């Protein structure tokens, strides 16, 4: 059963990756081009040396491969999390569980880190701080996911005492409080040049967020549709066998 669920997660990730790439290529790439143009004309622009691949290759093949590889990995991770959660989070249908889990992973894996360390286009970051920024971002993702898992455990623990609705509210409140402390405790990195176009920065971050919304929405819909049929057929077979 787990292999079939993971296969559906990979499929959902691949479909989501194609949709996310189309969105990113349409909206994000033109903003990246504007940021690069600013970097090239700015007096303090960075020198990145010789490019191995042209902008055309980076914007199409490079972006497409990167988005697809990331999306398939997220689909596999989502499917594993689904296998762990299924049957352990109360009386929730397979499709509803898929949608709720996708929403939770979108928030914990992307939205929370994004609030502290939002995506930045070229020309906004210093090369010498890339290691620090990467480590802080990864730390935020790991702790956010761990807190998300802890909130689910807390909700399950309190169900018998408070009921499903109240337990869920307590778990959500605990997660929000914990991530608030996390975001306040982590150092802030602000390297945006004062003369960088504000509309370019806004659009890049908005469309980057939109790309993730498209990815996780498609993963949720595709996975919920396919896993619902799979688990529904399995339940019917088990009922007939019994």
C-alpha atoms as a PDB file:
ATOM      1  CA  UNK A   1       0.000   0.000   0.000  1.00  0.00           C
ATOM      2  CA  UNK A   2       2.765   2.468   0.929  1.00  0.00           C
ATOM      3  CA  UNK A   3       4.428   2.010  -2.475  1.00  0.00           C
ATOM      4  CA  UNK A   4       1.186   2.884  -4.257  1.00  0.00           C
ATOM      5  CA  UNK A   5       0.722   5.979  -2.088  1.00  0.00           C
ATOM      6  CA  UNK A   6       4.301   7.148  -2.679  1.00  0.00           C
ATOM      7  CA  UNK A   7       3.892   6.580  -6.428  1.00  0.00           C
ATOM      8  CA  UNK A   8       0.868   8.876  -6.354  1.00  0.00           C
ATOM      9  CA  UNK A   9       2.899  11.418  -4.421  1.00  0.00           C
ATOM     10  CA  UNK A  10       5.584  11.360  -7.099  1.00  0.00           C
ATOM     11  CA  UNK A  11       2.932  11.795  -9.793  1.00  0.00           C
ATOM     12  CA  UNK A  12       1.331  14.685  -7.916  1.00  0.00           C
ATOM     13  CA  UNK A  13       4.742  16.300  -7.445  1.00  0.00           C
ATOM     14  CA  UNK A  14       5.559  15.978 -11.142  1.00  0.00           C
ATOM     15  CA  UNK A  15       2.241  17.488 -12.234  1.00  0.00           C
ATOM     16  CA  UNK A  16       2.623  20.228  -9.643  1.00  0.00           C
ATOM     17  CA  UNK A  17       6.150  20.880 -10.886  1.00  0.00           C
ATOM     18  CA  UNK A  18       4.962  21.415 -14.448  1.00  0.00           C
ATOM     19  CA  UNK A  19       2.255  23.811 -13.277  1.00  0.00           C
ATOM     20  CA  UNK A  20       4.693  25.654 -10.997  1.00  0.00           C
ATOM     21  CA  UNK A  21       7.246  25.967 -13.806  1.00  0.00           C
ATOM     22  CA  UNK A  22       4.658  27.452 -16.168  1.00  0.00           C
ATOM     23  CA  UNK A  23       3.692  29.974 -13.490  1.00  0.00           C
ATOM     24  CA  UNK A  24       7.305  30.807 -12.624  1.00  0.00           C
ATOM     25  CA  UNK A  25       8.353  31.093 -16.259  1.00  0.00           C
ATOM     26  CA  UNK A  26       5.447  33.422 -16.949  1.00  0.00           C
ATOM     27  CA  UNK A  27       5.666  35.672 -13.889  1.00  0.00           C
ATOM     28  CA  UNK A  28       8.949  35.176 -12.013  1.00  0.00           C
ATOM     29  CA  UNK A  29      11.416  35.066 -14.888  1.00  0.00           C
ATOM     30  CA  UNK A  30      10.614  38.561 -16.269  1.00  0.00           C
ATOM     31  CA  UNK A  31      11.172  39.988 -12.773  1.00  0.00           C
ATOM     32  CA  UNK A  32      14.501  38.153 -12.526  1.00  0.00           C
ATOM     33  CA  UNK A  33      15.490  39.723 -15.858  1.00  0.00           C
ATOM     34  CA  UNK A  34      14.690  43.181 -14.444  1.00  0.00           C
ATOM     35  CA  UNK A  35      16.766  42.475 -11.334  1.00  0.00           C
ATOM     36  CA  UNK A  36      19.717  41.293 -13.421  1.00  0.00           C
ATOM     37  CA  UNK A  37      19.459  44.406 -15.573  1.00  0.00           C
ATOM     38  CA  UNK A  38      19.616  46.509 -12.416  1.00  0.00           C
ATOM     39  CA  UNK A  39      22.645  44.551 -11.202  1.00  0.00           C
ATOM     40  CA  UNK A  40      24.479  44.994 -14.488  1.00  0.00           C
ATOM     41  CA  UNK A  41      23.916  48.745 -14.608  1.00  0.00           C
ATOM     42  CA  UNK A  42      24.391  49.406 -10.906  1.00  0.00           C
ATOM     43  CA  UNK A  43      27.760  50.818  -9.963  1.00  0.00           C
ATOM     44  CA  UNK A  44      28.162  48.306  -7.143  1.00  0.00           C
ATOM     45  CA  UNK A  45      26.887  45.317  -9.089  1.00  0.00           C
ATOM     46  CA  UNK A  46      28.290  41.918  -8.248  1.00  0.00           C
ATOM     47  CA  UNK A  47      30.802  40.172 -10.449  1.00  0.00           C
ATOM     48  CA  UNK A  48      29.705  36.576 -10.873  1.00  0.00           C
ATOM     49  CA  UNK A  49      32.410  35.700 -13.358  1.00  0.00           C
ATOM     50  CA  UNK A  50      31.846  33.762 -16.559  1.00  0.00           C
ATOM     51  CA  UNK A  51      28.408  32.178 -16.898  1.00  0.00           C
ATOM     52  CA  UNK A  52      28.484  28.515 -17.880  1.00  0.00           C
ATOM     53  CA  UNK A  53      24.983  28.749 -19.336  1.00  0.00           C
ATOM     54  CA  UNK A  54      23.235  31.556 -21.154  1.00  0.00           C
ATOM     55  CA  UNK A  55      20.236  33.347 -19.680  1.00  0.00           C
ATOM     56  CA  UNK A  56      17.991  31.519 -22.148  1.00  0.00           C
ATOM     57  CA  UNK A  57      19.176  28.135 -20.908  1.00  0.00           C
ATOM     58  CA  UNK A  58      18.906  29.212 -17.271  1.00  0.00           C
ATOM     59  CA  UNK A  59      15.387  30.600 -17.738  1.00  0.00           C
ATOM     60  CA  UNK A  60      14.035  27.539 -19.526  1.00  0.00           C
ATOM     61  CA  UNK A  61      15.950  24.279 -19.114  1.00  0.00           C
ATOM     62  CA  UNK A  62      17.640  25.276 -15.863  1.00  0.00           C
ATOM     63  CA  UNK A  63      14.516  26.610 -14.194  1.00  0.00           C
ATOM     64  CA  UNK A  64      12.395  23.772 -15.541  1.00  0.00           C
ATOM     65  CA  UNK A  65      14.725  21.055 -14.273  1.00  0.00           C
ATOM     66  CA  UNK A  66      15.178  22.744 -10.901  1.00  0.00           C
ATOM     67  CA  UNK A  67      11.463  23.270 -10.306  1.00  0.00           C
ATOM     68  CA  UNK A  68      10.576  19.753 -11.454  1.00  0.00           C
ATOM     69  CA  UNK A  69      13.250  18.077  -9.305  1.00  0.00           C
ATOM     70  CA  UNK A  70      12.179  20.087  -6.258  1.00  0.00           C
ATOM     71  CA  UNK A  71       8.503  19.357  -6.883  1.00  0.00           C
ATOM     72  CA  UNK A  72       8.988  15.605  -7.258  1.00  0.00           C
ATOM     73  CA  UNK A  73      11.014  15.584  -4.030  1.00  0.00           C
ATOM     74  CA  UNK A  74       8.207  17.484  -2.268  1.00  0.00           C
ATOM     75  CA  UNK A  75       5.671  15.037  -3.679  1.00  0.00           C
ATOM     76  CA  UNK A  76       7.643  12.104  -2.292  1.00  0.00           C
ATOM     77  CA  UNK A  77       8.037  13.796   1.098  1.00  0.00           C
ATOM     78  CA  UNK A  78       4.326  14.589   1.130  1.00  0.00           C
ATOM     79  CA  UNK A  79       3.439  10.967   0.362  1.00  0.00           C
ATOM     80  CA  UNK A  80       5.679   9.691   3.176  1.00  0.00           C
ATOM     81  CA  UNK A  81       4.070  12.134   5.598  1.00  0.00           C
ATOM     82  CA  UNK A  82       0.667  10.989   4.374  1.00  0.00           C
ATOM     83  CA  UNK A  83       1.531   7.354   5.050  1.00  0.00           C
ATOM     84  CA  UNK A  84       2.520   8.304   8.595  1.00  0.00           C
ATOM     85  CA  UNK A  85      -0.584  10.438   9.198  1.00  0.00           C
ATOM     86  CA  UNK A  86      -3.233   8.228   7.588  1.00  0.00           C
ATOM     87  CA  UNK A  87      -5.321   6.513  10.232  1.00  0.00           C
ATOM     88  CA  UNK A  88      -3.581   8.375  13.072  1.00  0.00           C
ATOM     89  CA  UNK A  89      -5.237  11.805  13.018  1.00  0.00           C
ATOM     90  CA  UNK A  90      -8.826  10.950  13.765  1.00  0.00           C
ATOM     91  CA  UNK A  91     -11.797  10.222  11.555  1.00  0.00           C
ATOM     92  CA  UNK A  92     -10.715  12.155   8.465  1.00  0.00           C
ATOM     93  CA  UNK A  93     -11.405  11.019   4.909  1.00  0.00           C
ATOM     94  CA  UNK A  94      -8.401  10.274   2.652  1.00  0.00           C
ATOM     95  CA  UNK A  95      -9.118  13.277   0.411  1.00  0.00           C
ATOM     96  CA  UNK A  96      -9.620  15.747   3.262  1.00  0.00           C
ATOM     97  CA  UNK A  97      -6.452  14.492   4.929  1.00  0.00           C
ATOM     98  CA  UNK A  98      -4.510  15.086   1.706  1.00  0.00           C
ATOM     99  CA  UNK A  99      -5.738  18.678   1.457  1.00  0.00           C
ATOM    100  CA  UNK A 100      -5.081  19.437   5.129  1.00  0.00           C
ATOM    101  CA  UNK A 101      -1.627  17.862   5.044  1.00  0.00           C
ATOM    102  CA  UNK A 102      -0.668  19.738   1.878  1.00  0.00           C
ATOM    103  CA  UNK A 103      -1.777  22.996   3.488  1.00  0.00           C
ATOM    104  CA  UNK A 104       0.176  22.234   6.648  1.00  0.00           C
ATOM    105  CA  UNK A 105       3.330  21.362   4.733  1.00  0.00           C
ATOM    106  CA  UNK A 106       3.009  24.489   2.587  1.00  0.00           C
ATOM    107  CA  UNK A 107       2.809  26.627   5.724  1.00  0.00           C
ATOM    108  CA  UNK A 108       5.573  24.885   7.694  1.00  0.00           C
ATOM    109  CA  UNK A 109       7.997  24.299   4.814  1.00  0.00           C
ATOM    110  CA  UNK A 110       7.608  27.590   2.980  1.00  0.00           C
ATOM    111  CA  UNK A 111       5.360  30.253   4.503  1.00  0.00           C
ATOM    112  CA  UNK A 112       6.984  30.369   7.949  1.00  0.00           C
ATOM    113  CA  UNK A 113      10.581  30.541   6.611  1.00  0.00           C
ATOM    114  CA  UNK A 114       9.370  33.025   3.979  1.00  0.00           C
ATOM    115  CA  UNK A 115       8.097  35.381   6.686  1.00  0.00           C
ATOM    116  CA  UNK A 116      11.595  35.660   8.172  1.00  0.00           C
ATOM    117  CA  UNK A 117      13.785  35.149   5.116  1.00  0.00           C
ATOM    118  CA  UNK A 118      11.735  35.978   2.005  1.00  0.00           C
ATOM    119  CA  UNK A 119      13.028  35.107  -1.436  1.00  0.00           C
ATOM    120  CA  UNK A 120      15.246  37.721  -3.046  1.00  0.00           C
ATOM    121  CA  UNK A 121      16.080  38.294  -6.721  1.00  0.00           C
ATOM    122  CA  UNK A 122      19.611  38.761  -8.034  1.00  0.00           C
ATOM    123  CA  UNK A 123      21.452  41.902  -6.860  1.00  0.00           C
ATOM    124  CA  UNK A 124      19.890  41.851  -3.400  1.00  0.00           C
ATOM    125  CA  UNK A 125      22.274  39.536  -1.580  1.00  0.00           C
ATOM    126  CA  UNK A 126      25.956  39.688  -0.735  1.00  0.00           C
ATOM    127  CA  UNK A 127      28.105  36.750  -1.791  1.00  0.00           C
ATOM    128  CA  UNK A 128      29.962  36.696   1.526  1.00  0.00           C
ATOM    129  CA  UNK A 129      26.756  36.087   3.538  1.00  0.00           C
ATOM    130  CA  UNK A 130      25.357  33.254   1.435  1.00  0.00           C
ATOM    131  CA  UNK A 131      26.501  30.560   3.882  1.00  0.00           C
ATOM    132  CA  UNK A 132      24.932  32.352   6.844  1.00  0.00           C
ATOM    133  CA  UNK A 133      21.670  32.952   4.983  1.00  0.00           C
ATOM    134  CA  UNK A 134      21.476  29.348   3.813  1.00  0.00           C
ATOM    135  CA  UNK A 135      22.100  27.922   7.283  1.00  0.00           C
ATOM    136  CA  UNK A 136      19.546  30.230   8.884  1.00  0.00           C
ATOM    137  CA  UNK A 137      16.934  29.386   6.263  1.00  0.00           C
ATOM    138  CA  UNK A 138      17.484  25.626   6.611  1.00  0.00           C
ATOM    139  CA  UNK A 139      17.352  25.961  10.400  1.00  0.00           C
ATOM    140  CA  UNK A 140      14.034  27.800  10.128  1.00  0.00           C
ATOM    141  CA  UNK A 141      12.582  25.101   7.877  1.00  0.00           C
ATOM    142  CA  UNK A 142      13.707  22.246  10.136  1.00  0.00           C
ATOM    143  CA  UNK A 143      12.445  23.846  13.344  1.00  0.00           C
ATOM    144  CA  UNK A 144       9.163  24.886  11.710  1.00  0.00           C
ATOM    145  CA  UNK A 145       8.517  21.331  10.497  1.00  0.00           C
ATOM    146  CA  UNK A 146       9.433  19.910  13.913  1.00  0.00           C
ATOM    147  CA  UNK A 147       7.006  22.325  15.584  1.00  0.00           C
ATOM    148  CA  UNK A 148       4.319  21.373  13.069  1.00  0.00           C
ATOM    149  CA  UNK A 149       4.785  17.686  13.905  1.00  0.00           C
ATOM    150  CA  UNK A 150       4.716  18.511  17.621  1.00  0.00           C
ATOM    151  CA  UNK A 151       1.466  20.455  17.149  1.00  0.00           C
ATOM    152  CA  UNK A 152      -0.123  17.436  15.463  1.00  0.00           C
ATOM    153  CA  UNK A 153       1.005  15.220  18.341  1.00  0.00           C
ATOM    154  CA  UNK A 154      -0.393  17.717  20.845  1.00  0.00           C
ATOM    155  CA  UNK A 155      -3.725  17.819  19.057  1.00  0.00           C
ATOM    156  CA  UNK A 156      -3.978  14.038  19.024  1.00  0.00           C
ATOM    157  CA  UNK A 157      -3.104  13.876  22.729  1.00  0.00           C
ATOM    158  CA  UNK A 158      -5.819  16.377  23.678  1.00  0.00           C
ATOM    159  CA  UNK A 159      -8.634  14.942  21.534  1.00  0.00           C
ATOM    160  CA  UNK A 160      -9.999  12.592  24.186  1.00  0.00           C
ATOM    161  CA  UNK A 161      -9.958  15.347  26.812  1.00  0.00           C
ATOM    162  CA  UNK A 162     -11.124  18.390  24.821  1.00  0.00           C
ATOM    163  CA  UNK A 163     -12.754  17.010  21.701  1.00  0.00           C
ATOM    164  CA  UNK A 164     -11.529  17.289  18.118  1.00  0.00           C
ATOM    165  CA  UNK A 165     -12.417  20.968  17.572  1.00  0.00           C
ATOM    166  CA  UNK A 166     -10.952  22.354  20.797  1.00  0.00           C
ATOM    167  CA  UNK A 167      -7.871  20.133  20.534  1.00  0.00           C
ATOM    168  CA  UNK A 168      -7.255  21.411  17.009  1.00  0.00           C
ATOM    169  CA  UNK A 169      -7.555  25.026  18.141  1.00  0.00           C
ATOM    170  CA  UNK A 170      -5.103  24.458  20.986  1.00  0.00           C
ATOM    171  CA  UNK A 171      -2.633  22.753  18.628  1.00  0.00           C
ATOM    172  CA  UNK A 172      -2.852  25.575  16.081  1.00  0.00           C
ATOM    173  CA  UNK A 173      -2.440  28.221  18.795  1.00  0.00           C
ATOM    174  CA  UNK A 174       0.579  26.398  20.206  1.00  0.00           C
ATOM    175  CA  UNK A 175       2.168  26.185  16.759  1.00  0.00           C
ATOM    176  CA  UNK A 176       1.579  29.879  16.045  1.00  0.00           C
ATOM    177  CA  UNK A 177       3.018  30.861  19.428  1.00  0.00           C
ATOM    178  CA  UNK A 178       6.078  28.642  18.973  1.00  0.00           C
ATOM    179  CA  UNK A 179       6.905  29.861  15.465  1.00  0.00           C
ATOM    180  CA  UNK A 180       6.396  33.464  16.583  1.00  0.00           C
ATOM    181  CA  UNK A 181       9.070  32.969  19.238  1.00  0.00           C
ATOM    182  CA  UNK A 182      11.276  31.289  16.638  1.00  0.00           C
ATOM    183  CA  UNK A 183      10.969  34.121  14.124  1.00  0.00           C
ATOM    184  CA  UNK A 184      11.628  36.752  16.782  1.00  0.00           C
ATOM    185  CA  UNK A 185      14.685  34.902  18.075  1.00  0.00           C
ATOM    186  CA  UNK A 186      16.376  34.437  14.691  1.00  0.00           C
ATOM    187  CA  UNK A 187      18.613  37.240  13.387  1.00  0.00           C
ATOM    188  CA  UNK A 188      17.348  39.464  10.584  1.00  0.00           C
ATOM    189  CA  UNK A 189      19.329  39.839   7.371  1.00  0.00           C
ATOM    190  CA  UNK A 190      18.662  42.997   5.379  1.00  0.00           C
ATOM    191  CA  UNK A 191      20.923  43.464   2.372  1.00  0.00           C
ATOM    192  CA  UNK A 192      18.535  45.218  -0.002  1.00  0.00           C
ATOM    193  CA  UNK A 193      20.184  48.168  -1.781  1.00  0.00           C
ATOM    194  CA  UNK A 194      18.379  51.422  -1.013  1.00  0.00           C
ATOM    195  CA  UNK A 195      17.979  52.215  -4.710  1.00  0.00           C
ATOM    196  CA  UNK A 196      16.676  48.796  -5.763  1.00  0.00           C
ATOM    197  CA  UNK A 197      13.224  49.161  -7.421  1.00  0.00           C
ATOM    198  CA  UNK A 198      10.612  48.412  -4.765  1.00  0.00           C
ATOM    199  CA  UNK A 199       8.082  47.144  -7.309  1.00  0.00           C
ATOM    200  CA  UNK A 200      10.557  44.579  -8.656  1.00  0.00           C
ATOM    201  CA  UNK A 201      11.244  43.269  -5.146  1.00  0.00           C
ATOM    202  CA  UNK A 202       7.527  43.136  -4.329  1.00  0.00           C
ATOM    203  CA  UNK A 203       6.629  41.317  -7.548  1.00  0.00           C
ATOM    204  CA  UNK A 204       9.459  38.812  -7.175  1.00  0.00           C
ATOM    205  CA  UNK A 205       8.430  37.854  -3.656  1.00  0.00           C
ATOM    206  CA  UNK A 206       4.732  37.810  -4.539  1.00  0.00           C
ATOM    207  CA  UNK A 207       5.246  35.576  -7.576  1.00  0.00           C
ATOM    208  CA  UNK A 208       7.691  33.346  -5.704  1.00  0.00           C
ATOM    209  CA  UNK A 209       4.989  32.802  -3.102  1.00  0.00           C
ATOM    210  CA  UNK A 210       2.487  32.247  -5.905  1.00  0.00           C
ATOM    211  CA  UNK A 211       4.697  29.556  -7.421  1.00  0.00           C
ATOM    212  CA  UNK A 212       4.620  27.637  -4.147  1.00  0.00           C
ATOM    213  CA  UNK A 213       0.861  28.108  -3.861  1.00  0.00           C
ATOM    214  CA  UNK A 214       0.409  26.622  -7.330  1.00  0.00           C
ATOM    215  CA  UNK A 215       2.736  23.718  -6.527  1.00  0.00           C
ATOM    216  CA  UNK A 216       1.055  22.701  -3.271  1.00  0.00           C
ATOM    217  CA  UNK A 217      -2.461  23.299  -4.565  1.00  0.00           C
ATOM    218  CA  UNK A 218      -1.837  20.983  -7.524  1.00  0.00           C
ATOM    219  CA  UNK A 219      -0.162  18.390  -5.292  1.00  0.00           C
ATOM    220  CA  UNK A 220      -3.191  18.467  -2.986  1.00  0.00           C
ATOM    221  CA  UNK A 221      -5.747  18.145  -5.792  1.00  0.00           C
ATOM    222  CA  UNK A 222      -3.933  15.464  -7.809  1.00  0.00           C
ATOM    223  CA  UNK A 223      -2.951  13.398  -4.780  1.00  0.00           C
ATOM    224  CA  UNK A 224      -6.388  13.685  -3.157  1.00  0.00           C
ATOM    225  CA  UNK A 225      -8.065  12.552  -6.378  1.00  0.00           C
ATOM    226  CA  UNK A 226      -5.805   9.554  -6.925  1.00  0.00           C
ATOM    227  CA  UNK A 227      -5.359   8.403  -3.332  1.00  0.00           C
ATOM    228  CA  UNK A 228      -9.088   8.723  -2.681  1.00  0.00           C
ATOM    229  CA  UNK A 229      -9.787   6.154  -5.374  1.00  0.00           C
ATOM    230  CA  UNK A 230      -6.945   3.926  -4.177  1.00  0.00           C
ATOM    231  CA  UNK A 231      -7.983   3.841  -0.527  1.00  0.00           C
ATOM    232  CA  UNK A 232     -11.661   3.682  -1.427  1.00  0.00           C
ATOM    233  CA  UNK A 233     -11.087   0.593  -3.550  1.00  0.00           C
ATOM    234  CA  UNK A 234      -8.939  -0.944  -0.817  1.00  0.00           C
ATOM    235  CA  UNK A 235     -11.638  -0.349   1.792  1.00  0.00           C
ATOM    236  CA  UNK A 236     -14.254  -1.950  -0.424  1.00  0.00           C
ATOM    237  CA  UNK A 237     -12.086  -5.021  -1.007  1.00  0.00           C
ATOM    238  CA  UNK A 238     -11.427  -5.349   2.713  1.00  0.00           C
ATOM    239  CA  UNK A 239     -15.167  -5.004   3.429  1.00  0.00           C
ATOM    240  CA  UNK A 240     -16.052  -7.709   0.886  1.00  0.00           C
ATOM    241  CA  UNK A 241     -13.309 -10.011   2.216  1.00  0.00           C
ATOM    242  CA  UNK A 242     -14.610  -9.577   5.750  1.00  0.00           C
END
